[in-house]
Amino acid sequence: MPARHNGNTCTGGSGGNVFRMGVNIAYSYVGSTFNDEASSIIVFPGCSCTFWENQNFGGPSVNFEGVPIEDDLQNLANDNFNDVISSAECIYVGGGG
């Protein structure tokens, strides 16, 4: 399932699992279905998303800033973050044209 954006939520999926993350929201634990399962993400214009390896925003982290191209798929393997995300935060920082 390809990733999509509906104006205020980001969705993406692989193998039928779809994780929806709203803007200006944080998950101290992404849930057992999605824990250590994400291989790629999309960060939309005006958003800044940080992902942590451990629950409760602990351990190593990686941050992605949105770009004006909504289908800019970020491969987490490029940042050594493939299948390790356990917590996440996405905030609207403005702009994004």
Foldseek 3Di string as FASTA:
>chain_A
DAWDDDPFWTWGDDPPDIQIDGAQDKFLFSDPVPALADFKGAAAFQKKKKFALHGRRDDDIDIDHHALPRRPIGGCVVVVCHSRTTIMHMYGRDDSD
